[in-house]
Amino acid sequence: FTVERLERVLKKIFIELKIEGIHAKTWIENIEKERI
């Protein structure tokens, strides 16, 4: 899901909704970028 896609799916069922992003320290995000 992108933010927009997730929001569209959830708004069909739940009126009250908030979406945030989960970040990590740079060294962790770099490991994940390398992995994927």
ModelCIF file with pLDDT and N, C-alpha, C, O atoms, coordinates in Angstrom:
data_MODEL
#
_entry.id   MODEL 
#
_entity.id                         1 
_entity.type                       polymer 
_entity.pdbx_number_of_molecules   1 
#
_entity_poly.entity_id                      1 
_entity_poly.type                           'polypeptide(L)' 
_entity_poly.nstd_linkage                   no 
_entity_poly.nstd_monomer                   no 
_entity_poly.pdbx_seq_one_letter_code       FTVERLERVLKKIFIELKIEGIHAKTWIENIEKERI 
_entity_poly.pdbx_seq_one_letter_code_can   FTVERLERVLKKIFIELKIEGIHAKTWIENIEKERI 
_entity_poly.pdbx_strand_id                 A 
#
loop_
_entity_poly_seq.entity_id 
_entity_poly_seq.num 
_entity_poly_seq.mon_id 
_entity_poly_seq.hetero 
1 1  PHE n 
1 2  THR n 
1 3  VAL n 
1 4  GLU n 
1 5  ARG n 
1 6  LEU n 
1 7  GLU n 
1 8  ARG n 
1 9  VAL n 
1 10 LEU n 
1 11 LYS n 
1 12 LYS n 
1 13 ILE n 
1 14 PHE n 
1 15 ILE n 
1 16 GLU n 
1 17 LEU n 
1 18 LYS n 
1 19 ILE n 
1 20 GLU n 
1 21 GLY n 
1 22 ILE n 
1 23 HIS n 
1 24 ALA n 
1 25 LYS n 
1 26 THR n 
1 27 TRP n 
1 28 ILE n 
1 29 GLU n 
1 30 ASN n 
1 31 ILE n 
1 32 GLU n 
1 33 LYS n 
1 34 GLU n 
1 35 ARG n 
1 36 ILE n 
#
_struct_asym.id          A 
_struct_asym.entity_id   1 
#
loop_
_ma_qa_metric.id 
_ma_qa_metric.mode 
_ma_qa_metric.name 
_ma_qa_metric.software_group_id 
_ma_qa_metric.type 
1 global pLDDT . pLDDT 
2 local  pLDDT . pLDDT 
#
_ma_qa_metric_global.metric_id      1 
_ma_qa_metric_global.metric_value   93.75 
_ma_qa_metric_global.model_id       1 
_ma_qa_metric_global.ordinal_id     1 
#
loop_
_ma_qa_metric_local.label_asym_id 
_ma_qa_metric_local.label_comp_id 
_ma_qa_metric_local.label_seq_id 
_ma_qa_metric_local.metric_id 
_ma_qa_metric_local.metric_value 
_ma_qa_metric_local.model_id 
_ma_qa_metric_local.ordinal_id 
A PHE 1  2 98.00 1 1  
A THR 2  2 97.00 1 2  
A VAL 3  2 96.00 1 3  
A GLU 4  2 96.00 1 4  
A ARG 5  2 97.00 1 5  
A LEU 6  2 97.00 1 6  
A GLU 7  2 97.00 1 7  
A ARG 8  2 96.00 1 8  
A VAL 9  2 97.00 1 9  
A LEU 10 2 97.00 1 10 
A LYS 11 2 96.00 1 11 
A LYS 12 2 95.00 1 12 
A ILE 13 2 96.00 1 13 
A PHE 14 2 95.00 1 14 
A ILE 15 2 87.00 1 15 
A GLU 16 2 95.00 1 16 
A LEU 17 2 96.00 1 17 
A LYS 18 2 97.00 1 18 
A ILE 19 2 97.00 1 19 
A GLU 20 2 97.00 1 20 
A GLY 21 2 98.00 1 21 
A ILE 22 2 97.00 1 22 
A HIS 23 2 97.00 1 23 
A ALA 24 2 95.00 1 24 
A LYS 25 2 94.00 1 25 
A THR 26 2 93.00 1 26 
A TRP 27 2 90.00 1 27 
A ILE 28 2 90.00 1 28 
A GLU 29 2 92.00 1 29 
A ASN 30 2 90.00 1 30 
A ILE 31 2 86.00 1 31 
A GLU 32 2 89.00 1 32 
A LYS 33 2 90.00 1 33 
A GLU 34 2 85.00 1 34 
A ARG 35 2 83.00 1 35 
A ILE 36 2 87.00 1 36 
#
loop_
_atom_site.group_PDB 
_atom_site.id 
_atom_site.type_symbol 
_atom_site.label_atom_id 
_atom_site.label_alt_id 
_atom_site.label_comp_id 
_atom_site.label_asym_id 
_atom_site.label_entity_id 
_atom_site.label_seq_id 
_atom_site.pdbx_PDB_ins_code 
_atom_site.Cartn_x 
_atom_site.Cartn_y 
_atom_site.Cartn_z 
_atom_site.occupancy 
_atom_site.B_iso_or_equiv 
_atom_site.pdbx_formal_charge 
_atom_site.auth_seq_id 
_atom_site.auth_comp_id 
_atom_site.auth_asym_id 
_atom_site.auth_atom_id 
_atom_site.pdbx_PDB_model_num 
ATOM 1   N N  . PHE A 1 1  ? 0.799   -1.214 0.000  1.00 98.00 ? 1  PHE A N  1 
ATOM 2   C CA . PHE A 1 1  ? 0.000   0.000  0.000  1.00 98.00 ? 1  PHE A CA 1 
ATOM 3   C C  . PHE A 1 1  ? 0.836   1.271  0.000  1.00 98.00 ? 1  PHE A C  1 
ATOM 4   O O  . PHE A 1 1  ? 1.869   1.358  0.665  1.00 98.00 ? 1  PHE A O  1 
ATOM 5   N N  . THR A 1 2  ? 0.363   2.262  -0.767 1.00 97.00 ? 2  THR A N  1 
ATOM 6   C CA . THR A 1 2  ? 0.804   3.637  -0.586 1.00 97.00 ? 2  THR A CA 1 
ATOM 7   C C  . THR A 1 2  ? -0.099  4.255  0.470  1.00 97.00 ? 2  THR A C  1 
ATOM 8   O O  . THR A 1 2  ? -1.105  3.660  0.857  1.00 97.00 ? 2  THR A O  1 
ATOM 9   N N  . VAL A 1 3  ? 0.254   5.443  0.936  1.00 96.00 ? 3  VAL A N  1 
ATOM 10  C CA . VAL A 1 3  ? -0.598  6.135  1.911  1.00 96.00 ? 3  VAL A CA 1 
ATOM 11  C C  . VAL A 1 3  ? -1.992  6.339  1.326  1.00 96.00 ? 3  VAL A C  1 
ATOM 12  O O  . VAL A 1 3  ? -2.999  6.088  1.988  1.00 96.00 ? 3  VAL A O  1 
ATOM 13  N N  . GLU A 1 4  ? -2.035  6.796  0.079  1.00 96.00 ? 4  GLU A N  1 
ATOM 14  C CA . GLU A 1 4  ? -3.320  7.116  -0.547 1.00 96.00 ? 4  GLU A CA 1 
ATOM 15  C C  . GLU A 1 4  ? -4.192  5.865  -0.696 1.00 96.00 ? 4  GLU A C  1 
ATOM 16  O O  . GLU A 1 4  ? -5.394  5.905  -0.435 1.00 96.00 ? 4  GLU A O  1 
ATOM 17  N N  . ARG A 1 5  ? -3.586  4.769  -1.112 1.00 97.00 ? 5  ARG A N  1 
ATOM 18  C CA . ARG A 1 5  ? -4.341  3.528  -1.294 1.00 97.00 ? 5  ARG A CA 1 
ATOM 19  C C  . ARG A 1 5  ? -4.854  3.000  0.042  1.00 97.00 ? 5  ARG A C  1 
ATOM 20  O O  . ARG A 1 5  ? -6.008  2.582  0.143  1.00 97.00 ? 5  ARG A O  1 
ATOM 21  N N  . LEU A 1 6  ? -4.011  3.015  1.057  1.00 97.00 ? 6  LEU A N  1 
ATOM 22  C CA . LEU A 1 6  ? -4.430  2.543  2.375  1.00 97.00 ? 6  LEU A CA 1 
ATOM 23  C C  . LEU A 1 6  ? -5.561  3.401  2.917  1.00 97.00 ? 6  LEU A C  1 
ATOM 24  O O  . LEU A 1 6  ? -6.518  2.882  3.492  1.00 97.00 ? 6  LEU A O  1 
ATOM 25  N N  . GLU A 1 7  ? -5.457  4.705  2.737  1.00 97.00 ? 7  GLU A N  1 
ATOM 26  C CA . GLU A 1 7  ? -6.494  5.613  3.211  1.00 97.00 ? 7  GLU A CA 1 
ATOM 27  C C  . GLU A 1 7  ? -7.828  5.330  2.522  1.00 97.00 ? 7  GLU A C  1 
ATOM 28  O O  . GLU A 1 7  ? -8.868  5.308  3.179  1.00 97.00 ? 7  GLU A O  1 
ATOM 29  N N  . ARG A 1 8  ? -7.810  5.114  1.201  1.00 96.00 ? 8  ARG A N  1 
ATOM 30  C CA . ARG A 1 8  ? -9.049  4.828  0.466  1.00 96.00 ? 8  ARG A CA 1 
ATOM 31  C C  . ARG A 1 8  ? -9.712  3.553  0.979  1.00 96.00 ? 8  ARG A C  1 
ATOM 32  O O  . ARG A 1 8  ? -10.928 3.511  1.166  1.00 96.00 ? 8  ARG A O  1 
ATOM 33  N N  . VAL A 1 9  ? -8.905  2.514  1.205  1.00 97.00 ? 9  VAL A N  1 
ATOM 34  C CA . VAL A 1 9  ? -9.441  1.236  1.671  1.00 97.00 ? 9  VAL A CA 1 
ATOM 35  C C  . VAL A 1 9  ? -10.065 1.367  3.061  1.00 97.00 ? 9  VAL A C  1 
ATOM 36  O O  . VAL A 1 9  ? -11.164 0.869  3.304  1.00 97.00 ? 9  VAL A O  1 
ATOM 37  N N  . LEU A 1 10 ? -9.356  2.041  3.970  1.00 97.00 ? 10 LEU A N  1 
ATOM 38  C CA . LEU A 1 10 ? -9.822  2.124  5.361  1.00 97.00 ? 10 LEU A CA 1 
ATOM 39  C C  . LEU A 1 10 ? -11.007 3.072  5.525  1.00 97.00 ? 10 LEU A C  1 
ATOM 40  O O  . LEU A 1 10 ? -11.863 2.856  6.383  1.00 97.00 ? 10 LEU A O  1 
ATOM 41  N N  . LYS A 1 11 ? -11.059 4.130  4.698  1.00 96.00 ? 11 LYS A N  1 
ATOM 42  C CA . LYS A 1 11 ? -12.154 5.096  4.821  1.00 96.00 ? 11 LYS A CA 1 
ATOM 43  C C  . LYS A 1 11 ? -13.509 4.514  4.433  1.00 96.00 ? 11 LYS A C  1 
ATOM 44  O O  . LYS A 1 11 ? -14.553 5.060  4.788  1.00 96.00 ? 11 LYS A O  1 
ATOM 45  N N  . LYS A 1 12 ? -13.486 3.407  3.704  1.00 95.00 ? 12 LYS A N  1 
ATOM 46  C CA . LYS A 1 12 ? -14.749 2.743  3.372  1.00 95.00 ? 12 LYS A CA 1 
ATOM 47  C C  . LYS A 1 12 ? -15.410 2.140  4.605  1.00 95.00 ? 12 LYS A C  1 
ATOM 48  O O  . LYS A 1 12 ? -16.622 1.930  4.633  1.00 95.00 ? 12 LYS A O  1 
ATOM 49  N N  . ILE A 1 13 ? -14.601 1.865  5.622  1.00 96.00 ? 13 ILE A N  1 
ATOM 50  C CA . ILE A 1 13 ? -15.090 1.159  6.809  1.00 96.00 ? 13 ILE A CA 1 
ATOM 51  C C  . ILE A 1 13 ? -15.040 2.036  8.059  1.00 96.00 ? 13 ILE A C  1 
ATOM 52  O O  . ILE A 1 13 ? -15.940 1.971  8.896  1.00 96.00 ? 13 ILE A O  1 
ATOM 53  N N  . PHE A 1 14 ? -14.001 2.850  8.190  1.00 95.00 ? 14 PHE A N  1 
ATOM 54  C CA . PHE A 1 14 ? -13.794 3.656  9.398  1.00 95.00 ? 14 PHE A CA 1 
ATOM 55  C C  . PHE A 1 14 ? -13.814 5.140  9.027  1.00 95.00 ? 14 PHE A C  1 
ATOM 56  O O  . PHE A 1 14 ? -13.096 5.580  8.129  1.00 95.00 ? 14 PHE A O  1 
ATOM 57  N N  . ILE A 1 15 ? -14.647 5.895  9.732  1.00 87.00 ? 15 ILE A N  1 
ATOM 58  C CA . ILE A 1 15 ? -14.762 7.330  9.444  1.00 87.00 ? 15 ILE A CA 1 
ATOM 59  C C  . ILE A 1 15 ? -13.578 8.091  10.024 1.00 87.00 ? 15 ILE A C  1 
ATOM 60  O O  . ILE A 1 15 ? -13.032 8.988  9.383  1.00 87.00 ? 15 ILE A O  1 
ATOM 61  N N  . GLU A 1 16 ? -13.185 7.726  11.242 1.00 95.00 ? 16 GLU A N  1 
ATOM 62  C CA . GLU A 1 16 ? -12.081 8.423  11.924 1.00 95.00 ? 16 GLU A CA 1 
ATOM 63  C C  . GLU A 1 16 ? -10.795 7.656  11.683 1.00 95.00 ? 16 GLU A C  1 
ATOM 64  O O  . GLU A 1 16 ? -10.694 6.478  12.028 1.00 95.00 ? 16 GLU A O  1 
ATOM 65  N N  . LEU A 1 17 ? -9.803  8.324  11.086 1.00 96.00 ? 17 LEU A N  1 
ATOM 66  C CA . LEU A 1 17 ? -8.615  7.624  10.608 1.00 96.00 ? 17 LEU A CA 1 
ATOM 67  C C  . LEU A 1 17 ? -7.405  8.557  10.599 1.00 96.00 ? 17 LEU A C  1 
ATOM 68  O O  . LEU A 1 17 ? -7.503  9.725  10.222 1.00 96.00 ? 17 LEU A O  1 
ATOM 69  N N  . LYS A 1 18 ? -6.264  8.015  11.021 1.00 97.00 ? 18 LYS A N  1 
ATOM 70  C CA . LYS A 1 18 ? -5.001  8.753  10.943 1.00 97.00 ? 18 LYS A CA 1 
ATOM 71  C C  . LYS A 1 18 ? -3.910  7.793  10.483 1.00 97.00 ? 18 LYS A C  1 
ATOM 72  O O  . LYS A 1 18 ? -3.826  6.663  10.964 1.00 97.00 ? 18 LYS A O  1 
ATOM 73  N N  . ILE A 1 19 ? -3.068  8.248  9.543  1.00 97.00 ? 19 ILE A N  1 
ATOM 74  C CA . ILE A 1 19 ? -1.965  7.423  9.053  1.00 97.00 ? 19 ILE A CA 1 
ATOM 75  C C  . ILE A 1 19 ? -0.651  8.164  9.270  1.00 97.00 ? 19 ILE A C  1 
ATOM 76  O O  . ILE A 1 19 ? -0.519  9.336  8.918  1.00 97.00 ? 19 ILE A O  1 
ATOM 77  N N  . GLU A 1 20 ? 0.316   7.465  9.856  1.00 97.00 ? 20 GLU A N  1 
ATOM 78  C CA . GLU A 1 20 ? 1.651   8.015  10.052 1.00 97.00 ? 20 GLU A CA 1 
ATOM 79  C C  . GLU A 1 20 ? 2.677   7.050  9.455  1.00 97.00 ? 20 GLU A C  1 
ATOM 80  O O  . GLU A 1 20 ? 2.343   5.926  9.079  1.00 97.00 ? 20 GLU A O  1 
ATOM 81  N N  . GLY A 1 21 ? 3.923   7.501  9.373  1.00 98.00 ? 21 GLY A N  1 
ATOM 82  C CA . GLY A 1 21 ? 4.982   6.665  8.833  1.00 98.00 ? 21 GLY A CA 1 
ATOM 83  C C  . GLY A 1 21 ? 5.918   6.183  9.925  1.00 98.00 ? 21 GLY A C  1 
ATOM 84  O O  . GLY A 1 21 ? 6.255   6.935  10.839 1.00 98.00 ? 21 GLY A O  1 
ATOM 85  N N  . ILE A 1 22 ? 6.339   4.927  9.831  1.00 97.00 ? 22 ILE A N  1 
ATOM 86  C CA . ILE A 1 22 ? 7.305   4.366  10.775 1.00 97.00 ? 22 ILE A CA 1 
ATOM 87  C C  . ILE A 1 22 ? 8.703   4.516  10.173 1.00 97.00 ? 22 ILE A C  1 
ATOM 88  O O  . ILE A 1 22 ? 9.012   3.941  9.129  1.00 97.00 ? 22 ILE A O  1 
ATOM 89  N N  . HIS A 1 23 ? 9.537   5.302  10.857 1.00 97.00 ? 23 HIS A N  1 
ATOM 90  C CA . HIS A 1 23 ? 10.918  5.514  10.441 1.00 97.00 ? 23 HIS A CA 1 
ATOM 91  C C  . HIS A 1 23 ? 11.862  4.863  11.451 1.00 97.00 ? 23 HIS A C  1 
ATOM 92  O O  . HIS A 1 23 ? 11.460  4.496  12.555 1.00 97.00 ? 23 HIS A O  1 
ATOM 93  N N  . ALA A 1 24 ? 13.105  4.730  11.052 1.00 95.00 ? 24 ALA A N  1 
ATOM 94  C CA . ALA A 1 24 ? 14.138  4.213  11.946 1.00 95.00 ? 24 ALA A CA 1 
ATOM 95  C C  . ALA A 1 24 ? 15.390  5.063  11.772 1.00 95.00 ? 24 ALA A C  1 
ATOM 96  O O  . ALA A 1 24 ? 15.479  5.887  10.862 1.00 95.00 ? 24 ALA A O  1 
ATOM 97  N N  . LYS A 1 25 ? 16.340  4.848  12.650 1.00 94.00 ? 25 LYS A N  1 
ATOM 98  C CA . LYS A 1 25 ? 17.615  5.544  12.497 1.00 94.00 ? 25 LYS A CA 1 
ATOM 99  C C  . LYS A 1 25 ? 18.226  5.197  11.138 1.00 94.00 ? 25 LYS A C  1 
ATOM 100 O O  . LYS A 1 25 ? 17.966  4.133  10.577 1.00 94.00 ? 25 LYS A O  1 
ATOM 101 N N  . THR A 1 26 ? 19.031  6.105  10.630 1.00 93.00 ? 26 THR A N  1 
ATOM 102 C CA . THR A 1 26 ? 19.543  5.992  9.266  1.00 93.00 ? 26 THR A CA 1 
ATOM 103 C C  . THR A 1 26 ? 20.220  4.654  9.003  1.00 93.00 ? 26 THR A C  1 
ATOM 104 O O  . THR A 1 26 ? 20.016  4.071  7.938  1.00 93.00 ? 26 THR A O  1 
ATOM 105 N N  . TRP A 1 27 ? 21.019  4.148  9.942  1.00 90.00 ? 27 TRP A N  1 
ATOM 106 C CA . TRP A 1 27 ? 21.748  2.900  9.699  1.00 90.00 ? 27 TRP A CA 1 
ATOM 107 C C  . TRP A 1 27 ? 20.797  1.726  9.524  1.00 90.00 ? 27 TRP A C  1 
ATOM 108 O O  . TRP A 1 27 ? 21.092  0.798  8.771  1.00 90.00 ? 27 TRP A O  1 
ATOM 109 N N  . ILE A 1 28 ? 19.646  1.755  10.220 1.00 90.00 ? 28 ILE A N  1 
ATOM 110 C CA . ILE A 1 28 ? 18.664  0.680  10.073 1.00 90.00 ? 28 ILE A CA 1 
ATOM 111 C C  . ILE A 1 28 ? 17.957  0.793  8.725  1.00 90.00 ? 28 ILE A C  1 
ATOM 112 O O  . ILE A 1 28 ? 17.763  -0.206 8.032  1.00 90.00 ? 28 ILE A O  1 
ATOM 113 N N  . GLU A 1 29 ? 17.572  2.015  8.359  1.00 92.00 ? 29 GLU A N  1 
ATOM 114 C CA . GLU A 1 29 ? 16.897  2.210  7.072  1.00 92.00 ? 29 GLU A CA 1 
ATOM 115 C C  . GLU A 1 29 ? 17.818  1.849  5.910  1.00 92.00 ? 29 GLU A C  1 
ATOM 116 O O  . GLU A 1 29 ? 17.357  1.338  4.890  1.00 92.00 ? 29 GLU A O  1 
ATOM 117 N N  . ASN A 1 30 ? 19.113  2.110  6.058  1.00 90.00 ? 30 ASN A N  1 
ATOM 118 C CA . ASN A 1 30 ? 20.057  1.741  4.998  1.00 90.00 ? 30 ASN A CA 1 
ATOM 119 C C  . ASN A 1 30 ? 20.159  0.225  4.839  1.00 90.00 ? 30 ASN A C  1 
ATOM 120 O O  . ASN A 1 30 ? 20.277  -0.277 3.721  1.00 90.00 ? 30 ASN A O  1 
ATOM 121 N N  . ILE A 1 31 ? 20.113  -0.504 5.955  1.00 86.00 ? 31 ILE A N  1 
ATOM 122 C CA . ILE A 1 31 ? 20.118  -1.972 5.891  1.00 86.00 ? 31 ILE A CA 1 
ATOM 123 C C  . ILE A 1 31 ? 18.882  -2.466 5.149  1.00 86.00 ? 31 ILE A C  1 
ATOM 124 O O  . ILE A 1 31 ? 18.967  -3.363 4.311  1.00 86.00 ? 31 ILE A O  1 
ATOM 125 N N  . GLU A 1 32 ? 17.735  -1.872 5.463  1.00 89.00 ? 32 GLU A N  1 
ATOM 126 C CA . GLU A 1 32 ? 16.492  -2.292 4.812  1.00 89.00 ? 32 GLU A CA 1 
ATOM 127 C C  . GLU A 1 32 ? 16.502  -1.938 3.321  1.00 89.00 ? 32 GLU A C  1 
ATOM 128 O O  . GLU A 1 32 ? 16.044  -2.727 2.495  1.00 89.00 ? 32 GLU A O  1 
ATOM 129 N N  . LYS A 1 33 ? 17.019  -0.764 2.978  1.00 90.00 ? 33 LYS A N  1 
ATOM 130 C CA . LYS A 1 33 ? 17.112  -0.387 1.560  1.00 90.00 ? 33 LYS A CA 1 
ATOM 131 C C  . LYS A 1 33 ? 17.996  -1.366 0.790  1.00 90.00 ? 33 LYS A C  1 
ATOM 132 O O  . LYS A 1 33 ? 17.684  -1.750 -0.337 1.00 90.00 ? 33 LYS A O  1 
ATOM 133 N N  . GLU A 1 34 ? 19.094  -1.757 1.414  1.00 85.00 ? 34 GLU A N  1 
ATOM 134 C CA . GLU A 1 34 ? 19.996  -2.717 0.767  1.00 85.00 ? 34 GLU A CA 1 
ATOM 135 C C  . GLU A 1 34 ? 19.312  -4.069 0.587  1.00 85.00 ? 34 GLU A C  1 
ATOM 136 O O  . GLU A 1 34 ? 19.487  -4.733 -0.435 1.00 85.00 ? 34 GLU A O  1 
ATOM 137 N N  . ARG A 1 35 ? 18.541  -4.464 1.581  1.00 83.00 ? 35 ARG A N  1 
ATOM 138 C CA . ARG A 1 35 ? 17.873  -5.770 1.527  1.00 83.00 ? 35 ARG A CA 1 
ATOM 139 C C  . ARG A 1 35 ? 16.831  -5.837 0.416  1.00 83.00 ? 35 ARG A C  1 
ATOM 140 O O  . ARG A 1 35 ? 16.701  -6.860 -0.256 1.00 83.00 ? 35 ARG A O  1 
ATOM 141 N N  . ILE A 1 36 ? 16.093  -4.755 0.224  1.00 87.00 ? 36 ILE A N  1 
ATOM 142 C CA . ILE A 1 36 ? 14.957  -4.789 -0.705 1.00 87.00 ? 36 ILE A CA 1 
ATOM 143 C C  . ILE A 1 36 ? 15.282  -4.246 -2.092 1.00 87.00 ? 36 ILE A C  1 
ATOM 144 O O  . ILE A 1 36 ? 14.414  -4.219 -2.964 1.00 87.00 ? 36 ILE A O  1 
#
